[in-house]
Amino acid sequence: MRISRRSVVATAALTAAALLLSACGGSSAGSETGSGTPQYGGTLTFYDPIQYVAWNATNSTWSNSNVSDNLVERLIWQDPATGDFKPWLATKWEISPDHLTYTFHLRKGVTFSNGDPLDAETVKLNFDQHGLGDKKLAIPPDSFWVNYKGTTAVDPQTVRVTLTKPNAGFLQVLSNYRASSILGKPYLKQDFNGQSKLENWVGTGPFVVEKVDGTTGVTLKRRDDYNWAPEGSGHQGKAYLEKIVFKTVPEAGTRVGALQSGEAQIARNIAPYDEQTVAAGGGTIDAIPVQGETNKLAFQLDANPLTQDKSIRLALQAATDRQEINKTVLSPSYPVPTSLLVKGTPLRGDSSKYLTYDLDKAKSLLDADGWRAGADGIRVKNGQRLHFDIWVSPYYQVSQSVLELLQSQWKKAGVELKINSASLTEYQALETARGAKWSFTQGQTSTGEPSVLRASYGSDRYNVLHSPKPDLKLDGLLTAQALEFDPVKRKAAIQAIEDYVLGQGYVIPLYDETQVFGLGPKIHGFATESTARSWLYDTWLSK
């Protein structure tokens, strides 16, 4: 039986790489599964549990990004095994001593799927939309792009990007699958609705869109003229696979059965209880840690008075037994969190002391806050039950089982948690409408750089806490880490963010986010980019 649990080896060298004045080459672009002589041809079928939604380039839905990562490319490739930055659509780059100017030299001979050449003007148009948005086209600025001033096309093959303030994580932004993908001019002219249609995508990637079946299927076909894979790829030239068929298959048992029968060759989000079944049936489990934030519950501070009560937040933190969650409803594929950031994310802090299960502490905090146990054990204060509603997140295979166990854990402290279910469409509507019952969101933002915390928590970014007014101390800490280029000092700045966020009880980390892929026996060369999105350029099928 084969159960592979890959870990991404990324250290402070990632941040140090941002100080380099030019790119350097090195190791493989992805970790291979399988061996033998690669063969061209064949159709790979990929089953995903989640339906596809709006296809705008910054959409980070897991199902969407496993498709789109094979259509569009970036200036820089971040090696998932080392964290190093390598040439891709840019052959080299220089960074000014003040870290405000980045000059990129574009690779010659690159074309978009419509035949247009990659040039500096197209890169400028992409970066301006990412960094500034476009009100006329109803396109908002991307939350990862901070302190962006503008891009200049120096000549047809050279662009110069200027920031208003230094950003230690900027190179990683330019390698991020959703924050800096380069698309062709016909796409960039579309408004937000037009950019949300996959049929309108014009990319430089090794595959192009052949067919879109509503929200449940996409077929990609190979570009035979493709010849600009990132440095360190398993091969150069066209992709091995002729076609890739992505299908939405919500039922976990159906996805597993399809792997065993050969109907599908890859299935995403294999449930913990199915991992051994896949391995015993001749398949492989490839569990890949997702660099970036842990999977967490974030308190919505604008929801109701309960979420604004620090004692309650800290009590729920202490009443959460992550070891039990891992052993009871998850598997070793999902490490127990010890930080706001997943293991392997560069410069992550150690916040173990905040994440220790302590039921007595939880009860003591609630006692001191005036909450007394009622006849059924649920605490009451001034006639109000200590009750929360939560909705199962349809984006995560394990959400239901994790929340059910959390429900029983919190009940021991006298807290009532009601679990609600909704379809993906209903869930998205509830998330938008929010309201007094929307006390938590379950989720994480992924990128191989600690500045993901700024994108997530910044009051002018995602503002995942939905703070009614800016938390100036938190915003200051988030800004400070971006201005620090010394790895040792920056690591301390990241730890300060973790100390503050967890000290306030703003979030409850549940488990280290992991993507668990089931691979059929004919799959070889399966790889992902640095945040565990499938990158199928080197993948091939044996006969």
Protein backbone atom coordinates (compact mmCIF):
# COMPACT_ATOMS: atom_id res chain seq x y z
CA MET A 1 0.00 0.00 0.00
CA ARG A 2 1.26 3.47 -0.87
CA ILE A 3 0.33 6.47 1.21
CA SER A 4 2.64 9.39 0.51
CA ARG A 5 2.56 12.42 2.76
CA ARG A 6 4.77 14.99 1.14
CA SER A 7 6.09 17.93 3.10
CA VAL A 8 7.22 21.13 1.48
CA VAL A 9 10.78 22.01 2.43
CA ALA A 10 10.73 25.79 2.62
CA THR A 11 12.85 27.80 5.04
CA ALA A 12 14.03 31.31 5.60
CA ALA A 13 15.88 30.89 2.32
CA LEU A 14 12.63 31.81 0.62
CA THR A 15 12.71 35.27 2.10
CA ALA A 16 16.42 35.54 1.49
CA ALA A 17 15.71 34.82 -2.17
CA ALA A 18 13.80 38.07 -2.34
CA LEU A 19 17.10 39.86 -1.82
CA LEU A 20 18.73 38.36 -4.88
CA LEU A 21 19.26 40.67 -7.80
CA SER A 22 18.65 37.97 -10.40
CA ALA A 23 17.04 34.58 -10.72
CA CYS A 24 18.86 31.33 -10.21
CA GLY A 25 18.01 27.79 -11.32
CA GLY A 26 17.94 24.50 -9.49
CA SER A 27 15.75 21.58 -8.65
CA SER A 28 12.65 19.94 -10.02
CA ALA A 29 9.50 21.96 -10.54
CA GLY A 30 7.36 19.26 -8.95
CA SER A 31 7.55 15.97 -7.10
CA GLU A 32 6.97 12.96 -9.32
CA THR A 33 4.80 9.96 -8.52
CA GLY A 34 5.68 6.93 -10.60
CA SER A 35 8.60 5.98 -12.82
CA GLY A 36 9.42 4.68 -16.28
CA THR A 37 9.72 6.22 -19.72
CA PRO A 38 7.17 9.03 -20.19
CA GLN A 39 4.59 8.43 -22.90
CA TYR A 40 2.72 11.01 -24.95
CA GLY A 41 -1.02 10.85 -25.44
CA GLY A 42 -4.08 9.77 -23.53
CA THR A 43 -6.93 11.47 -21.68
CA LEU A 44 -6.70 11.96 -17.94
CA THR A 45 -9.96 12.10 -15.99
CA PHE A 46 -9.87 14.14 -12.78
CA TYR A 47 -12.76 13.91 -10.29
CA ASP A 48 -13.36 16.83 -7.94
CA PRO A 49 -16.04 17.02 -5.21
CA ILE A 50 -16.83 20.72 -5.65
CA GLN A 51 -18.65 22.32 -8.58
CA TYR A 52 -16.96 25.08 -10.55
CA VAL A 53 -17.98 28.69 -9.95
CA ALA A 54 -17.04 32.05 -11.48
CA TRP A 55 -13.76 31.72 -13.36
CA ASN A 56 -12.18 35.15 -12.75
CA ALA A 57 -8.40 34.82 -12.40
CA THR A 58 -8.31 35.66 -8.68
CA ASN A 59 -10.86 32.98 -7.74
CA SER A 60 -9.08 30.67 -5.30
CA THR A 61 -11.77 27.97 -5.03
CA TRP A 62 -9.93 24.65 -4.90
CA SER A 63 -11.88 23.06 -7.75
CA ASN A 64 -11.36 26.05 -10.05
CA SER A 65 -7.67 26.48 -9.33
CA ASN A 66 -6.83 22.85 -10.07
CA VAL A 67 -8.07 23.57 -13.59
CA SER A 68 -6.83 27.11 -14.15
CA ASP A 69 -3.27 26.39 -13.05
CA ASN A 70 -2.87 24.40 -16.27
CA LEU A 71 -4.08 27.26 -18.49
CA VAL A 72 -2.20 30.33 -17.31
CA GLU A 73 1.33 31.08 -16.14
CA ARG A 74 3.34 33.62 -14.18
CA LEU A 75 6.63 35.46 -14.57
CA ILE A 76 8.17 33.40 -11.75
CA TRP A 77 7.89 29.77 -10.67
CA GLN A 78 8.16 28.94 -6.97
CA ASP A 79 9.69 25.51 -6.61
CA PRO A 80 7.33 23.54 -4.33
CA ALA A 81 10.17 21.40 -2.96
CA THR A 82 12.57 24.18 -1.98
CA GLY A 83 10.65 27.47 -2.04
CA ASP A 84 13.22 28.90 -4.47
CA PHE A 85 12.10 31.32 -7.18
CA LYS A 86 12.97 30.31 -10.74
CA PRO A 87 12.57 31.77 -14.24
CA TRP A 88 9.34 31.13 -16.10
CA LEU A 89 7.83 33.79 -18.36
CA ALA A 90 10.62 36.03 -17.11
CA THR A 91 14.18 34.86 -17.75
CA LYS A 92 15.73 37.06 -15.06
CA TRP A 93 15.00 40.03 -12.85
CA GLU A 94 16.69 42.79 -10.84
CA ILE A 95 15.57 44.42 -7.62
CA SER A 96 16.60 47.95 -6.65
CA PRO A 97 18.50 48.42 -3.36
CA ASP A 98 15.47 50.17 -1.81
CA HIS A 99 13.18 47.25 -2.80
CA LEU A 100 10.79 49.58 -4.60
CA THR A 101 11.59 48.69 -8.21
CA TYR A 102 11.53 45.25 -9.86
CA THR A 103 12.71 44.89 -13.46
CA PHE A 104 11.75 41.73 -15.37
CA HIS A 105 13.13 40.51 -18.70
CA LEU A 106 10.53 38.48 -20.59
CA ARG A 107 11.12 35.19 -22.30
CA LYS A 108 11.14 35.41 -26.08
CA GLY A 109 8.97 33.19 -28.25
CA VAL A 110 6.09 32.83 -25.78
CA THR A 111 2.60 33.08 -27.29
CA PHE A 112 -0.92 33.09 -25.96
CA SER A 113 -3.45 30.49 -27.04
CA ASN A 114 -4.85 32.93 -29.64
CA GLY A 115 -1.40 33.38 -31.20
CA ASP A 116 -0.60 36.80 -29.71
CA PRO A 117 2.99 37.15 -28.45
CA LEU A 118 3.78 37.77 -24.81
CA ASP A 119 5.05 41.34 -24.53
CA ALA A 120 5.70 43.98 -21.90
CA GLU A 121 2.48 45.87 -22.64
CA THR A 122 0.38 42.79 -21.90
CA VAL A 123 2.20 42.19 -18.63
CA LYS A 124 1.65 45.84 -17.66
CA LEU A 125 -2.09 45.55 -18.36
CA ASN A 126 -2.29 42.41 -16.21
CA PHE A 127 -0.39 43.90 -13.30
CA ASP A 128 -2.38 47.13 -13.39
CA GLN A 129 -5.63 45.16 -13.17
CA HIS A 130 -4.27 43.08 -10.31
CA GLY A 131 -2.77 45.97 -8.39
CA LEU A 132 -5.22 48.81 -9.11
CA GLY A 133 -8.39 47.13 -10.34
CA ASP A 134 -10.56 48.70 -13.03
CA LYS A 135 -13.75 50.45 -11.92
CA LYS A 136 -15.12 50.69 -15.47
CA LEU A 137 -14.90 46.93 -15.82
CA ALA A 138 -16.05 46.33 -12.19
CA ILE A 139 -12.77 44.58 -11.39
CA PRO A 140 -11.55 45.13 -7.80
CA PRO A 141 -7.86 45.29 -6.82
CA ASP A 142 -6.38 41.99 -5.71
CA SER A 143 -5.91 41.70 -1.93
CA PHE A 144 -2.39 40.28 -2.34
CA TRP A 145 -1.17 43.40 -4.15
CA VAL A 146 -0.27 46.03 -1.58
CA ASN A 147 1.54 49.35 -2.13
CA TYR A 148 1.46 48.90 -5.91
CA LYS A 149 2.28 52.09 -7.81
CA GLY A 150 2.39 50.89 -11.40
CA THR A 151 4.21 49.05 -14.17
CA THR A 152 6.14 50.53 -17.08
CA ALA A 153 6.84 48.78 -20.37
CA VAL A 154 10.52 49.70 -20.77
CA ASP A 155 10.74 47.95 -24.14
CA PRO A 156 8.81 45.06 -25.75
CA GLN A 157 10.61 42.48 -23.58
CA THR A 158 11.19 44.42 -20.34
CA VAL A 159 8.81 45.61 -17.61
CA ARG A 160 9.53 47.66 -14.52
CA VAL A 161 7.22 47.33 -11.51
CA THR A 162 7.22 50.10 -8.89
CA LEU A 163 5.94 49.93 -5.30
CA THR A 164 5.23 52.82 -2.96
CA LYS A 165 6.65 50.88 0.01
CA PRO A 166 8.86 47.79 0.25
CA ASN A 167 7.16 44.41 0.47
CA ALA A 168 9.28 41.45 1.55
CA GLY A 169 6.74 39.05 0.05
CA PHE A 170 6.41 40.66 -3.37
CA LEU A 171 8.37 38.07 -5.38
CA GLN A 172 6.09 35.39 -4.02
CA VAL A 173 3.05 37.42 -5.08
CA LEU A 174 4.41 37.37 -8.62
CA SER A 175 4.69 33.58 -8.47
CA ASN A 176 1.26 33.02 -6.93
CA TYR A 177 -1.25 30.97 -8.94
CA ARG A 178 -4.09 33.45 -8.45
CA ALA A 179 -2.40 36.77 -7.73
CA SER A 180 -0.31 37.27 -10.86
CA SER A 181 -1.44 34.99 -13.67
CA ILE A 182 -0.76 36.52 -17.08
CA LEU A 183 -3.71 36.52 -19.48
CA GLY A 184 -4.06 37.84 -23.02
CA LYS A 185 -5.42 41.22 -24.08
CA PRO A 186 -8.83 39.89 -25.28
CA TYR A 187 -9.47 38.59 -21.76
CA LEU A 188 -8.30 41.81 -20.09
CA LYS A 189 -10.80 43.84 -22.12
CA GLN A 190 -13.70 41.85 -20.63
CA ASP A 191 -15.64 43.18 -17.66
CA PHE A 192 -15.85 41.17 -14.43
CA ASN A 193 -18.68 38.99 -15.76
CA GLY A 194 -16.81 38.33 -18.99
CA GLN A 195 -13.65 37.43 -17.12
CA SER A 196 -15.69 34.96 -15.07
CA LYS A 197 -16.34 32.78 -18.13
CA LEU A 198 -13.66 30.19 -18.76
CA GLU A 199 -14.40 30.27 -22.49
CA ASN A 200 -12.90 33.80 -22.53
CA TRP A 201 -9.56 32.80 -20.99
CA VAL A 202 -6.52 33.38 -23.20
CA GLY A 203 -3.40 32.04 -21.51
CA THR A 204 0.14 30.90 -22.28
CA GLY A 205 -0.18 27.53 -20.52
CA PRO A 206 0.38 24.02 -21.92
CA PHE A 207 -3.38 23.40 -22.21
CA VAL A 208 -6.35 25.33 -23.60
CA VAL A 209 -10.08 25.09 -22.98
CA GLU A 210 -11.92 22.74 -25.32
CA LYS A 211 -15.31 22.56 -23.59
CA VAL A 212 -17.12 23.80 -20.49
CA ASP A 213 -20.10 21.84 -19.15
CA GLY A 214 -21.80 24.40 -16.94
CA THR A 215 -20.58 24.13 -13.34
CA THR A 216 -19.81 20.41 -13.42
CA GLY A 217 -17.18 19.80 -16.08
CA VAL A 218 -14.27 21.19 -18.09
CA THR A 219 -12.23 19.59 -20.86
CA LEU A 220 -8.74 20.86 -21.66
CA LYS A 221 -6.69 19.94 -24.71
CA ARG A 222 -2.95 20.13 -25.23
CA ARG A 223 -1.14 22.97 -26.99
CA ASP A 224 1.28 21.24 -29.31
CA ASP A 225 3.31 24.44 -29.85
CA TYR A 226 4.01 24.93 -26.12
CA ASN A 227 7.73 25.11 -25.30
CA TRP A 228 8.44 27.37 -22.29
CA ALA A 229 8.03 25.33 -19.11
CA PRO A 230 9.70 26.75 -15.99
CA GLU A 231 13.31 25.99 -15.25
CA GLY A 232 13.68 22.63 -13.52
CA SER A 233 10.59 21.03 -15.11
CA GLY A 234 10.66 17.32 -15.82
CA HIS A 235 10.77 17.98 -19.56
CA GLN A 236 10.44 20.71 -22.18
CA GLY A 237 8.12 21.00 -25.17
CA LYS A 238 4.46 20.00 -25.27
CA ALA A 239 2.72 18.31 -22.33
CA TYR A 240 2.50 14.52 -22.30
CA LEU A 241 -1.27 14.32 -21.89
CA GLU A 242 -3.45 14.96 -24.92
CA LYS A 243 -6.54 15.91 -22.91
CA ILE A 244 -7.69 16.41 -19.33
CA VAL A 245 -11.34 15.97 -18.35
CA PHE A 246 -12.35 17.54 -15.02
CA LYS A 247 -15.67 16.44 -13.55
CA THR A 248 -17.62 17.34 -10.42
CA VAL A 249 -18.40 14.17 -8.46
CA PRO A 250 -19.59 15.05 -4.93
CA GLU A 251 -19.98 11.49 -3.62
CA ALA A 252 -16.79 10.32 -1.90
CA GLY A 253 -17.51 6.64 -2.56
CA THR A 254 -18.03 7.27 -6.26
CA ARG A 255 -14.67 9.00 -6.58
CA VAL A 256 -12.92 6.13 -4.83
CA GLY A 257 -14.75 3.55 -6.95
CA ALA A 258 -13.78 5.41 -10.12
CA LEU A 259 -10.10 5.22 -9.15
CA GLN A 260 -10.39 1.49 -8.56
CA SER A 261 -12.20 0.83 -11.84
CA GLY A 262 -9.95 3.09 -13.90
CA GLU A 263 -12.83 5.41 -14.82
CA ALA A 264 -10.84 8.25 -13.21
CA GLN A 265 -7.09 8.53 -12.76
CA ILE A 266 -7.03 11.32 -10.16
CA ALA A 267 -9.55 12.17 -7.44
CA ARG A 268 -9.19 15.17 -5.15
CA ASN A 269 -10.17 15.33 -1.48
CA ILE A 270 -10.10 11.67 -0.58
CA ALA A 271 -11.83 11.35 2.80
CA PRO A 272 -9.69 10.17 5.74
CA TYR A 273 -11.74 6.96 6.05
CA ASP A 274 -11.09 6.20 2.35
CA GLU A 275 -7.30 6.65 2.34
CA GLN A 276 -6.55 3.02 3.20
CA THR A 277 -9.19 1.83 0.71
CA VAL A 278 -7.49 3.67 -2.15
CA ALA A 279 -4.04 2.39 -1.15
CA ALA A 280 -5.26 -1.19 -0.68
CA GLY A 281 -6.85 -1.09 -4.14
CA GLY A 282 -3.55 -0.42 -5.86
CA GLY A 283 -3.75 3.37 -5.90
CA THR A 284 -1.63 5.97 -4.17
CA ILE A 285 -2.60 8.62 -1.65
CA ASP A 286 -0.62 11.81 -2.14
CA ALA A 287 -1.27 14.13 0.80
CA ILE A 288 0.31 17.51 0.20
CA PRO A 289 0.52 20.21 2.91
CA VAL A 290 -0.77 23.54 1.66
CA GLN A 291 1.60 26.36 2.47
CA GLY A 292 -0.15 29.35 3.99
CA GLU A 293 -2.78 29.54 6.72
CA THR A 294 -4.03 26.63 8.76
CA ASN A 295 -7.67 25.66 8.29
CA LYS A 296 -9.38 27.73 10.96
CA LEU A 297 -12.57 29.19 12.33
CA ALA A 298 -12.39 32.98 12.24
CA PHE A 299 -14.68 34.88 14.61
CA GLN A 300 -16.82 37.44 12.79
CA LEU A 301 -16.41 40.43 15.06
CA ASP A 302 -19.36 42.29 13.56
CA ALA A 303 -21.80 39.40 14.04
CA ASN A 304 -23.11 39.71 17.59
CA PRO A 305 -21.94 40.56 21.13
CA LEU A 306 -20.82 36.97 21.76
CA THR A 307 -18.11 37.11 19.10
CA GLN A 308 -16.90 40.44 20.52
CA ASP A 309 -16.38 38.94 24.00
CA LYS A 310 -12.68 38.09 24.37
CA SER A 311 -13.33 35.72 27.29
CA ILE A 312 -15.71 33.66 25.18
CA ARG A 313 -13.27 33.56 22.28
CA LEU A 314 -10.42 32.40 24.49
CA ALA A 315 -12.68 29.84 26.21
CA LEU A 316 -13.62 28.28 22.88
CA GLN A 317 -9.95 28.22 21.92
CA ALA A 318 -9.14 26.29 25.10
CA ALA A 319 -12.14 23.95 24.67
CA THR A 320 -10.91 22.82 21.24
CA ASP A 321 -9.00 19.52 21.36
CA ARG A 322 -7.01 19.36 18.12
CA GLN A 323 -5.31 16.11 19.03
CA GLU A 324 -8.70 14.43 19.33
CA ILE A 325 -9.81 15.95 16.02
CA ASN A 326 -6.74 14.53 14.30
CA LYS A 327 -7.04 11.05 15.80
CA THR A 328 -10.83 10.69 15.65
CA VAL A 329 -12.07 12.19 12.38
CA LEU A 330 -8.94 13.04 10.38
CA SER A 331 -5.71 11.13 9.70
CA PRO A 332 -1.94 11.69 9.81
CA SER A 333 -2.40 13.51 6.49
CA TYR A 334 -3.70 16.51 8.47
CA PRO A 335 -1.05 17.65 11.00
CA VAL A 336 -2.13 19.16 14.30
CA PRO A 337 -1.59 22.94 14.02
CA THR A 338 1.00 24.68 16.17
CA SER A 339 0.87 28.05 14.40
CA LEU A 340 -1.36 30.27 12.29
CA LEU A 341 0.66 28.92 9.36
CA VAL A 342 0.96 25.39 8.01
CA LYS A 343 4.18 23.47 8.66
CA GLY A 344 6.62 24.20 5.83
CA THR A 345 5.48 27.80 5.36
CA PRO A 346 8.60 29.99 5.63
CA LEU A 347 9.24 31.84 8.90
CA ARG A 348 6.12 30.50 10.62
CA GLY A 349 5.83 31.07 14.32
CA ASP A 350 5.48 28.59 17.18
CA SER A 351 2.17 29.22 18.89
CA SER A 352 1.74 25.87 20.62
CA LYS A 353 1.09 27.52 23.97
CA TYR A 354 -2.10 29.11 22.65
CA LEU A 355 -3.40 25.91 21.07
CA THR A 356 -3.29 23.50 24.01
CA TYR A 357 -6.53 21.81 25.03
CA ASP A 358 -7.52 22.94 28.53
CA LEU A 359 -11.15 22.33 29.47
CA ASP A 360 -10.67 23.64 33.02
CA LYS A 361 -9.34 26.92 31.63
CA ALA A 362 -12.33 27.20 29.29
CA LYS A 363 -14.77 26.67 32.16
CA SER A 364 -12.92 29.12 34.40
CA LEU A 365 -12.99 31.85 31.74
CA LEU A 366 -16.73 31.42 31.23
CA ASP A 367 -17.39 31.32 34.99
CA ALA A 368 -15.51 34.59 35.43
CA ASP A 369 -17.48 36.07 32.54
CA GLY A 370 -20.76 35.36 34.34
CA TRP A 371 -21.96 32.33 32.35
CA ARG A 372 -23.62 29.66 34.52
CA ALA A 373 -24.58 26.12 33.50
CA GLY A 374 -28.30 25.58 32.97
CA ALA A 375 -30.34 22.43 33.59
CA ASP A 376 -29.13 20.87 30.32
CA GLY A 377 -25.52 21.89 30.89
CA ILE A 378 -25.55 24.80 28.42
CA ARG A 379 -24.47 28.04 30.02
CA VAL A 380 -26.83 30.99 30.44
CA LYS A 381 -26.25 34.68 31.23
CA ASN A 382 -29.00 37.25 31.68
CA GLY A 383 -31.47 34.80 30.16
CA GLN A 384 -29.36 34.19 27.03
CA ARG A 385 -28.01 30.76 26.14
CA LEU A 386 -24.38 30.49 25.10
CA HIS A 387 -25.34 29.38 21.61
CA PHE A 388 -23.64 29.63 18.21
CA ASP A 389 -24.72 28.65 14.74
CA ILE A 390 -22.23 27.40 12.18
CA TRP A 391 -22.51 26.20 8.60
CA VAL A 392 -20.61 23.26 7.13
CA SER A 393 -18.15 24.62 4.58
CA PRO A 394 -18.74 22.87 1.25
CA TYR A 395 -15.15 23.63 0.20
CA TYR A 396 -13.60 21.15 2.65
CA GLN A 397 -14.20 17.40 2.55
CA VAL A 398 -13.70 17.03 6.31
CA SER A 399 -15.74 20.03 7.48
CA GLN A 400 -18.84 18.10 8.60
CA SER A 401 -16.99 15.54 10.70
CA VAL A 402 -14.65 18.12 12.25
CA LEU A 403 -17.56 20.37 13.26
CA GLU A 404 -19.53 17.46 14.71
CA LEU A 405 -16.63 16.58 16.99
CA LEU A 406 -16.12 20.25 17.84
CA GLN A 407 -19.78 20.41 18.80
CA SER A 408 -19.27 17.68 21.41
CA GLN A 409 -16.04 19.25 22.70
CA TRP A 410 -17.58 22.66 23.22
CA LYS A 411 -20.63 21.14 24.90
CA LYS A 412 -18.32 19.92 27.68
CA ALA A 413 -17.57 23.58 28.40
CA GLY A 414 -21.26 24.47 28.34
CA VAL A 415 -21.38 25.95 24.83
CA GLU A 416 -24.10 25.01 22.35
CA LEU A 417 -23.07 24.75 18.70
CA LYS A 418 -25.76 24.17 16.08
CA ILE A 419 -24.46 22.79 12.79
CA ASN A 420 -26.30 23.82 9.62
CA SER A 421 -25.88 22.49 6.09
CA ALA A 422 -26.35 24.28 2.77
CA SER A 423 -25.60 23.76 -0.89
CA LEU A 424 -22.63 25.60 -2.36
CA THR A 425 -24.93 28.24 -3.86
CA GLU A 426 -26.84 28.65 -0.61
CA TYR A 427 -23.62 28.78 1.38
CA GLN A 428 -22.20 31.53 -0.80
CA ALA A 429 -25.43 33.53 -0.42
CA LEU A 430 -25.32 33.14 3.37
CA GLU A 431 -21.66 34.13 3.42
CA THR A 432 -22.50 37.29 1.49
CA ALA A 433 -25.62 38.16 3.49
CA ARG A 434 -23.99 37.19 6.81
CA GLY A 435 -26.15 38.45 9.67
CA ALA A 436 -26.20 37.88 13.42
CA LYS A 437 -25.98 34.08 13.17
CA TRP A 438 -22.91 34.13 10.92
CA SER A 439 -20.49 34.01 13.85
CA PHE A 440 -17.65 32.08 12.16
CA THR A 441 -16.18 31.42 8.77
CA GLN A 442 -14.19 28.26 8.16
CA GLY A 443 -11.36 28.63 5.72
CA GLN A 444 -7.75 29.47 4.93
CA THR A 445 -5.75 31.43 2.40
CA SER A 446 -2.83 29.66 0.79
CA THR A 447 0.47 30.97 -0.48
CA GLY A 448 4.06 29.97 0.26
CA GLU A 449 4.91 33.17 2.11
CA PRO A 450 4.04 34.45 5.60
CA SER A 451 2.67 37.71 4.17
CA VAL A 452 -0.48 35.67 3.52
CA LEU A 453 -1.41 36.86 7.02
CA ARG A 454 -1.51 40.44 5.76
CA ALA A 455 -3.78 39.49 2.86
CA SER A 456 -6.09 37.64 5.22
CA TYR A 457 -6.25 39.87 8.32
CA GLY A 458 -5.51 43.35 6.99
CA SER A 459 -8.46 45.70 7.48
CA ASP A 460 -7.91 46.98 3.93
CA ARG A 461 -7.45 43.45 2.52
CA TYR A 462 -9.74 40.43 3.04
CA ASN A 463 -10.44 41.50 6.64
CA VAL A 464 -11.31 37.89 7.46
CA LEU A 465 -12.38 38.93 10.98
CA HIS A 466 -14.88 41.49 9.63
CA SER A 467 -13.81 43.93 12.33
CA PRO A 468 -16.35 46.75 12.63
CA LYS A 469 -13.45 49.19 12.80
CA PRO A 470 -9.77 48.73 11.91
CA ASP A 471 -7.62 47.03 14.54
CA LEU A 472 -4.76 49.50 14.32
CA LYS A 473 -2.37 47.36 16.35
CA LEU A 474 -2.92 44.34 14.13
CA ASP A 475 -2.63 46.43 10.97
CA GLY A 476 0.63 47.85 12.28
CA LEU A 477 2.07 44.40 12.95
CA LEU A 478 1.02 43.18 9.50
CA THR A 479 2.71 46.16 7.85
CA ALA A 480 5.88 45.80 9.94
CA GLN A 481 6.60 42.27 8.75
CA ALA A 482 6.36 43.36 5.10
CA LEU A 483 9.00 46.04 5.64
CA GLU A 484 11.51 43.66 7.22
CA PHE A 485 13.93 41.85 4.88
CA ASP A 486 16.26 40.33 7.46
CA PRO A 487 14.98 36.73 7.91
CA VAL A 488 15.66 36.60 11.65
CA LYS A 489 13.92 39.91 12.35
CA ARG A 490 11.08 39.07 10.00
CA LYS A 491 10.49 35.74 11.75
CA ALA A 492 10.17 37.69 15.01
CA ALA A 493 7.70 40.04 13.33
CA ILE A 494 5.59 37.06 12.19
CA GLN A 495 5.65 35.65 15.72
CA ALA A 496 4.39 39.00 17.02
CA ILE A 497 1.39 38.73 14.68
CA GLU A 498 0.66 35.21 15.90
CA ASP A 499 0.98 36.25 19.55
CA TYR A 500 -1.51 39.06 19.04
CA VAL A 501 -4.09 37.21 16.93
CA LEU A 502 -4.14 34.12 19.14
CA GLY A 503 -3.77 36.15 22.33
CA GLN A 504 -6.99 37.93 21.39
CA GLY A 505 -8.63 34.61 20.49
CA TYR A 506 -9.55 35.92 17.05
CA VAL A 507 -9.29 32.54 15.34
CA ILE A 508 -9.41 28.85 16.21
CA PRO A 509 -6.96 26.78 14.12
CA LEU A 510 -8.40 23.31 13.47
CA TYR A 511 -5.82 21.44 11.36
CA ASP A 512 -3.00 22.09 8.92
CA GLU A 513 -4.64 22.44 5.51
CA THR A 514 -3.78 19.50 3.25
CA GLN A 515 -4.83 18.43 -0.21
CA VAL A 516 -5.33 14.67 -0.37
CA PHE A 517 -5.20 13.29 -3.90
CA GLY A 518 -6.01 9.72 -4.86
CA LEU A 519 -3.91 8.57 -7.83
CA GLY A 520 -4.69 5.57 -10.00
CA PRO A 521 -1.95 3.05 -10.85
CA LYS A 522 -1.45 4.44 -14.37
CA ILE A 523 -0.57 7.95 -13.20
CA HIS A 524 3.06 9.07 -13.36
CA GLY A 525 4.74 12.44 -12.87
CA PHE A 526 1.87 13.95 -10.90
CA ALA A 527 2.92 17.31 -9.49
CA THR A 528 1.51 20.40 -7.82
CA GLU A 529 2.72 23.97 -7.56
CA SER A 530 3.72 25.48 -4.22
CA THR A 531 0.19 25.65 -2.81
CA ALA A 532 -0.86 22.12 -3.82
CA ARG A 533 -2.79 23.02 -6.98
CA SER A 534 -2.41 20.35 -9.66
CA TRP A 535 0.17 21.14 -12.31
CA LEU A 536 -0.23 18.40 -14.91
CA TYR A 537 2.38 19.40 -17.48
CA ASP A 538 4.77 16.57 -16.49
CA THR A 539 1.98 14.04 -15.79
CA TRP A 540 1.62 11.03 -18.08
CA LEU A 541 -0.34 7.79 -18.31
CA SER A 542 1.11 4.34 -18.74
CA LYS A 543 -0.72 1.89 -21.00
